[in-house]
Amino acid sequence: MRTKVLTLAAAVLYGFTCLAGTTPQSGTVVSEQSVDCGTKNKGKKSSTDVVCQQYVVRTSTTEYQVRQPKPKDQAIIPANTPIQFVIDKDKMKLKVNGQGYEFLIVGTSALSPQSK
């Protein structure tokens, strides 16, 4: 009987921790830049550098550096754009004006109280 209660309690606590990560957070895109993210072969001897968009997203406590997972044509998100996002492992899934995007998190930094 005791093991059943402990198992049930563990399952309930695990369920709450899973739900906690899916709540959307608010942030703002602070900056955007194009960064090198590989090369693309055009033929036998020629290749072209490929660039991806990298953004800095700021919340009240953290700054995230996020990058496109693959180079592709997508709209550039302007600075000072408010966003809603969810973090899932090493990815940030965000929405801007109803459009969804997925980025890789390549860096994080905590904000000090003076930089808010």
N, C-alpha and C. Protein backbone atom coordinates (compact mmCIF):
# COMPACT_ATOMS: atom_id res chain seq x y z
N MET A 1 0.83 -1.19 0.00
CA MET A 1 0.00 0.00 0.00
C MET A 1 0.88 1.26 0.00
N ARG A 2 1.93 1.22 0.78
CA ARG A 2 2.79 2.39 0.88
C ARG A 2 3.49 2.67 -0.45
N THR A 3 3.90 1.61 -1.16
CA THR A 3 4.57 1.83 -2.44
C THR A 3 3.62 2.42 -3.48
N LYS A 4 2.35 2.05 -3.40
CA LYS A 4 1.37 2.62 -4.33
C LYS A 4 1.21 4.12 -4.10
N VAL A 5 1.19 4.53 -2.84
CA VAL A 5 1.04 5.95 -2.52
C VAL A 5 2.28 6.72 -2.98
N LEU A 6 3.46 6.16 -2.74
CA LEU A 6 4.70 6.83 -3.17
C LEU A 6 4.78 6.91 -4.70
N THR A 7 4.37 5.86 -5.38
CA THR A 7 4.37 5.87 -6.84
C THR A 7 3.40 6.91 -7.38
N LEU A 8 2.23 6.99 -6.80
CA LEU A 8 1.25 7.99 -7.22
C LEU A 8 1.77 9.40 -6.96
N ALA A 9 2.37 9.63 -5.80
CA ALA A 9 2.91 10.95 -5.48
C ALA A 9 4.03 11.33 -6.45
N ALA A 10 4.89 10.38 -6.78
CA ALA A 10 5.97 10.66 -7.72
C ALA A 10 5.42 10.98 -9.10
N ALA A 11 4.40 10.26 -9.53
CA ALA A 11 3.80 10.51 -10.84
C ALA A 11 3.16 11.90 -10.89
N VAL A 12 2.49 12.30 -9.84
CA VAL A 12 1.86 13.62 -9.79
C VAL A 12 2.91 14.72 -9.81
N LEU A 13 3.96 14.57 -9.02
CA LEU A 13 5.02 15.58 -9.00
C LEU A 13 5.74 15.67 -10.34
N TYR A 14 5.99 14.53 -10.97
CA TYR A 14 6.61 14.53 -12.29
C TYR A 14 5.72 15.23 -13.31
N GLY A 15 4.42 15.00 -13.23
CA GLY A 15 3.49 15.65 -14.13
C GLY A 15 3.50 17.17 -13.99
N PHE A 16 3.61 17.66 -12.76
CA PHE A 16 3.67 19.10 -12.54
C PHE A 16 4.95 19.70 -13.11
N THR A 17 6.07 19.01 -12.98
CA THR A 17 7.32 19.54 -13.52
C THR A 17 7.30 19.55 -15.04
N CYS A 18 6.63 18.58 -15.66
CA CYS A 18 6.51 18.58 -17.12
C CYS A 18 5.66 19.75 -17.60
N LEU A 19 4.60 20.05 -16.89
CA LEU A 19 3.73 21.16 -17.28
C LEU A 19 4.39 22.51 -17.06
N ALA A 20 5.29 22.61 -16.09
CA ALA A 20 5.90 23.89 -15.77
C ALA A 20 6.73 24.43 -16.93
N GLY A 21 7.35 23.57 -17.74
CA GLY A 21 8.20 24.02 -18.83
C GLY A 21 7.44 24.47 -20.06
N THR A 22 6.16 24.20 -20.15
CA THR A 22 5.41 24.53 -21.35
C THR A 22 4.66 25.86 -21.27
N THR A 23 4.78 26.58 -20.17
CA THR A 23 4.10 27.86 -20.08
C THR A 23 4.88 28.91 -20.89
N PRO A 24 4.21 29.66 -21.73
CA PRO A 24 4.91 30.66 -22.54
C PRO A 24 5.51 31.77 -21.68
N GLN A 25 6.67 32.23 -22.09
CA GLN A 25 7.33 33.35 -21.45
C GLN A 25 7.33 34.54 -22.41
N SER A 26 7.43 35.72 -21.84
CA SER A 26 7.49 36.93 -22.66
C SER A 26 8.92 37.42 -22.75
N GLY A 27 9.25 37.98 -23.88
CA GLY A 27 10.57 38.55 -24.07
C GLY A 27 10.54 39.57 -25.20
N THR A 28 11.71 40.12 -25.48
CA THR A 28 11.86 41.11 -26.53
C THR A 28 13.11 40.79 -27.34
N VAL A 29 13.00 40.87 -28.66
CA VAL A 29 14.17 40.72 -29.51
C VAL A 29 14.98 42.00 -29.39
N VAL A 30 16.22 41.88 -28.91
CA VAL A 30 17.05 43.06 -28.68
C VAL A 30 17.89 43.39 -29.91
N SER A 31 18.44 42.34 -30.56
CA SER A 31 19.27 42.60 -31.74
C SER A 31 19.23 41.39 -32.68
N GLU A 32 19.67 41.64 -33.92
CA GLU A 32 19.72 40.61 -34.95
C GLU A 32 21.02 40.79 -35.70
N GLN A 33 21.64 39.67 -36.07
CA GLN A 33 22.82 39.74 -36.91
C GLN A 33 22.92 38.49 -37.77
N SER A 34 23.59 38.60 -38.89
CA SER A 34 23.82 37.45 -39.75
C SER A 34 25.17 36.84 -39.39
N VAL A 35 25.20 35.54 -39.17
CA VAL A 35 26.43 34.85 -38.79
C VAL A 35 26.67 33.69 -39.75
N ASP A 36 27.93 33.33 -39.90
CA ASP A 36 28.31 32.22 -40.76
C ASP A 36 27.85 30.91 -40.13
N CYS A 37 27.19 30.07 -40.91
CA CYS A 37 26.73 28.78 -40.37
C CYS A 37 27.06 27.63 -41.30
N GLY A 38 28.11 27.77 -42.10
CA GLY A 38 28.54 26.67 -42.95
C GLY A 38 28.76 27.10 -44.38
N THR A 39 28.95 26.09 -45.24
CA THR A 39 29.14 26.33 -46.66
C THR A 39 28.22 25.41 -47.45
N LYS A 40 27.96 25.81 -48.67
CA LYS A 40 27.11 25.02 -49.56
C LYS A 40 27.90 24.78 -50.85
N ASN A 41 28.01 23.52 -51.24
CA ASN A 41 28.74 23.18 -52.46
C ASN A 41 27.88 23.48 -53.68
N LYS A 42 28.47 24.21 -54.63
CA LYS A 42 27.76 24.53 -55.86
C LYS A 42 28.17 23.61 -57.00
N GLY A 43 29.32 23.07 -56.90
CA GLY A 43 29.82 22.20 -57.95
C GLY A 43 31.02 21.44 -57.43
N LYS A 44 31.88 21.02 -58.36
CA LYS A 44 33.03 20.23 -57.94
C LYS A 44 34.05 21.05 -57.16
N LYS A 45 34.28 22.28 -57.57
CA LYS A 45 35.33 23.07 -56.93
C LYS A 45 34.86 24.36 -56.29
N SER A 46 33.60 24.70 -56.41
CA SER A 46 33.15 25.97 -55.85
C SER A 46 32.17 25.74 -54.71
N SER A 47 32.23 26.63 -53.75
CA SER A 47 31.29 26.58 -52.62
C SER A 47 30.94 28.00 -52.23
N THR A 48 29.82 28.13 -51.55
CA THR A 48 29.32 29.43 -51.12
C THR A 48 29.13 29.42 -49.62
N ASP A 49 29.53 30.50 -48.96
CA ASP A 49 29.28 30.62 -47.53
C ASP A 49 27.79 30.82 -47.30
N VAL A 50 27.29 30.18 -46.25
CA VAL A 50 25.87 30.27 -45.92
C VAL A 50 25.75 31.03 -44.60
N VAL A 51 24.80 31.96 -44.55
CA VAL A 51 24.60 32.74 -43.33
C VAL A 51 23.24 32.42 -42.72
N CYS A 52 23.19 32.48 -41.40
CA CYS A 52 21.96 32.28 -40.65
C CYS A 52 21.72 33.52 -39.79
N GLN A 53 20.48 33.70 -39.40
CA GLN A 53 20.14 34.83 -38.53
C GLN A 53 20.32 34.41 -37.07
N GLN A 54 20.95 35.28 -36.30
CA GLN A 54 21.12 35.06 -34.87
C GLN A 54 20.51 36.25 -34.14
N TYR A 55 19.74 35.96 -33.10
CA TYR A 55 19.03 37.00 -32.36
C TYR A 55 19.42 36.96 -30.89
N VAL A 56 19.31 38.11 -30.25
CA VAL A 56 19.41 38.20 -28.79
C VAL A 56 18.01 38.48 -28.28
N VAL A 57 17.51 37.58 -27.43
CA VAL A 57 16.18 37.71 -26.84
C VAL A 57 16.35 37.99 -25.36
N ARG A 58 15.74 39.06 -24.88
CA ARG A 58 15.88 39.46 -23.48
C ARG A 58 14.56 39.28 -22.73
N THR A 59 14.67 38.64 -21.57
CA THR A 59 13.54 38.57 -20.64
C THR A 59 13.90 39.45 -19.44
N SER A 60 13.09 39.40 -18.40
CA SER A 60 13.39 40.23 -17.22
C SER A 60 14.63 39.74 -16.47
N THR A 61 15.01 38.48 -16.64
CA THR A 61 16.14 37.94 -15.87
C THR A 61 17.25 37.35 -16.72
N THR A 62 17.01 37.07 -18.00
CA THR A 62 17.97 36.33 -18.81
C THR A 62 18.04 36.88 -20.22
N GLU A 63 19.22 36.78 -20.83
CA GLU A 63 19.39 37.05 -22.25
C GLU A 63 19.75 35.73 -22.94
N TYR A 64 19.07 35.44 -24.04
CA TYR A 64 19.32 34.23 -24.81
C TYR A 64 19.87 34.62 -26.17
N GLN A 65 20.88 33.91 -26.64
CA GLN A 65 21.36 34.05 -28.00
C GLN A 65 20.82 32.84 -28.75
N VAL A 66 20.01 33.08 -29.78
CA VAL A 66 19.37 32.00 -30.53
C VAL A 66 19.71 32.13 -32.01
N ARG A 67 19.80 30.99 -32.69
CA ARG A 67 20.19 30.95 -34.10
C ARG A 67 19.27 30.01 -34.87
N GLN A 68 19.08 30.31 -36.14
CA GLN A 68 18.32 29.42 -37.02
C GLN A 68 19.00 28.05 -37.05
N PRO A 69 18.24 26.96 -36.97
CA PRO A 69 18.88 25.65 -37.05
C PRO A 69 19.41 25.32 -38.44
N LYS A 70 18.75 25.81 -39.48
CA LYS A 70 19.18 25.59 -40.87
C LYS A 70 19.02 26.91 -41.61
N PRO A 71 19.92 27.16 -42.55
CA PRO A 71 19.73 28.37 -43.36
C PRO A 71 18.52 28.20 -44.26
N LYS A 72 17.62 29.15 -44.20
CA LYS A 72 16.44 29.12 -45.05
C LYS A 72 15.88 30.52 -45.16
N ASP A 73 15.05 30.69 -46.14
CA ASP A 73 14.41 31.99 -46.32
C ASP A 73 13.33 32.15 -45.27
N GLN A 74 13.48 33.15 -44.44
CA GLN A 74 12.44 33.47 -43.47
C GLN A 74 12.53 34.95 -43.17
N ALA A 75 11.44 35.49 -42.73
CA ALA A 75 11.39 36.93 -42.44
C ALA A 75 12.35 37.26 -41.30
N ILE A 76 12.99 38.40 -41.40
CA ILE A 76 13.87 38.87 -40.33
C ILE A 76 13.00 39.53 -39.27
N ILE A 77 13.22 39.15 -38.03
CA ILE A 77 12.47 39.72 -36.91
C ILE A 77 13.17 41.00 -36.48
N PRO A 78 12.51 42.14 -36.54
CA PRO A 78 13.17 43.40 -36.19
C PRO A 78 13.42 43.53 -34.69
N ALA A 79 14.38 44.38 -34.35
CA ALA A 79 14.68 44.65 -32.94
C ALA A 79 13.48 45.30 -32.26
N ASN A 80 13.41 45.15 -30.95
CA ASN A 80 12.33 45.68 -30.10
C ASN A 80 10.97 45.05 -30.40
N THR A 81 10.97 43.84 -30.94
CA THR A 81 9.73 43.13 -31.20
C THR A 81 9.39 42.27 -30.00
N PRO A 82 8.20 42.43 -29.41
CA PRO A 82 7.81 41.56 -28.30
C PRO A 82 7.45 40.17 -28.82
N ILE A 83 7.86 39.14 -28.08
CA ILE A 83 7.61 37.76 -28.49
C ILE A 83 7.11 36.95 -27.31
N GLN A 84 6.52 35.81 -27.63
CA GLN A 84 6.15 34.78 -26.66
C GLN A 84 6.95 33.54 -27.04
N PHE A 85 7.55 32.85 -26.06
CA PHE A 85 8.35 31.69 -26.39
C PHE A 85 8.25 30.62 -25.32
N VAL A 86 8.62 29.40 -25.74
CA VAL A 86 8.70 28.24 -24.86
C VAL A 86 10.06 27.60 -25.11
N ILE A 87 10.75 27.21 -24.04
CA ILE A 87 12.03 26.55 -24.17
C ILE A 87 11.82 25.05 -24.02
N ASP A 88 12.35 24.30 -24.98
CA ASP A 88 12.27 22.85 -24.97
C ASP A 88 13.67 22.30 -25.22
N LYS A 89 14.34 21.87 -24.16
CA LYS A 89 15.72 21.37 -24.19
C LYS A 89 16.63 22.47 -24.71
N ASP A 90 17.23 22.31 -25.88
CA ASP A 90 18.13 23.33 -26.42
C ASP A 90 17.49 24.16 -27.52
N LYS A 91 16.16 24.17 -27.58
CA LYS A 91 15.45 24.91 -28.61
C LYS A 91 14.51 25.94 -27.99
N MET A 92 14.34 27.03 -28.70
CA MET A 92 13.36 28.05 -28.31
C MET A 92 12.31 28.11 -29.41
N LYS A 93 11.07 27.85 -29.03
CA LYS A 93 9.96 27.94 -29.97
C LYS A 93 9.24 29.24 -29.68
N LEU A 94 9.21 30.13 -30.66
CA LEU A 94 8.64 31.45 -30.40
C LEU A 94 7.58 31.81 -31.42
N LYS A 95 6.76 32.75 -31.00
CA LYS A 95 5.71 33.28 -31.87
C LYS A 95 5.87 34.79 -31.97
N VAL A 96 5.81 35.25 -33.21
CA VAL A 96 5.87 36.68 -33.50
C VAL A 96 4.72 36.99 -34.45
N ASN A 97 3.81 37.83 -34.02
CA ASN A 97 2.66 38.21 -34.84
C ASN A 97 1.93 37.00 -35.41
N GLY A 98 1.75 35.96 -34.59
CA GLY A 98 1.03 34.78 -35.01
C GLY A 98 1.85 33.78 -35.82
N GLN A 99 3.07 34.13 -36.19
CA GLN A 99 3.94 33.25 -36.97
C GLN A 99 4.87 32.50 -36.02
N GLY A 100 5.00 31.18 -36.18
CA GLY A 100 5.85 30.38 -35.31
C GLY A 100 7.22 30.13 -35.91
N TYR A 101 8.25 30.16 -35.07
CA TYR A 101 9.63 29.89 -35.47
C TYR A 101 10.27 28.99 -34.43
N GLU A 102 11.32 28.28 -34.84
CA GLU A 102 12.08 27.47 -33.91
C GLU A 102 13.56 27.79 -34.09
N PHE A 103 14.24 28.07 -32.99
CA PHE A 103 15.65 28.43 -33.01
C PHE A 103 16.43 27.56 -32.04
N LEU A 104 17.73 27.41 -32.30
CA LEU A 104 18.63 26.74 -31.37
C LEU A 104 19.15 27.77 -30.38
N ILE A 105 19.22 27.40 -29.12
CA ILE A 105 19.81 28.29 -28.11
C ILE A 105 21.31 28.05 -28.13
N VAL A 106 22.09 29.08 -28.47
CA VAL A 106 23.54 28.94 -28.54
C VAL A 106 24.24 29.62 -27.38
N GLY A 107 23.51 30.37 -26.57
CA GLY A 107 24.11 31.00 -25.40
C GLY A 107 23.06 31.63 -24.51
N THR A 108 23.38 31.72 -23.22
CA THR A 108 22.51 32.38 -22.26
C THR A 108 23.38 33.20 -21.32
N SER A 109 22.80 34.22 -20.76
CA SER A 109 23.48 34.99 -19.71
C SER A 109 22.44 35.61 -18.79
N ALA A 110 22.78 35.60 -17.52
CA ALA A 110 21.88 36.18 -16.52
C ALA A 110 22.07 37.70 -16.52
N LEU A 111 20.98 38.41 -16.35
CA LEU A 111 21.04 39.86 -16.29
C LEU A 111 21.23 40.31 -14.85
N SER A 112 22.12 41.26 -14.65
CA SER A 112 22.28 41.83 -13.32
C SER A 112 21.18 42.84 -13.08
N PRO A 113 20.88 43.16 -11.83
CA PRO A 113 19.81 44.13 -11.55
C PRO A 113 20.05 45.50 -12.19
N GLN A 114 21.31 45.89 -12.40
CA GLN A 114 21.60 47.20 -12.99
C GLN A 114 21.31 47.25 -14.48
N SER A 115 21.35 46.09 -15.19
CA SER A 115 21.20 46.11 -16.65
C SER A 115 19.76 45.98 -17.11
N LYS A 116 18.81 45.93 -16.20
CA LYS A 116 17.40 45.79 -16.59
C LYS A 116 16.85 47.05 -17.14
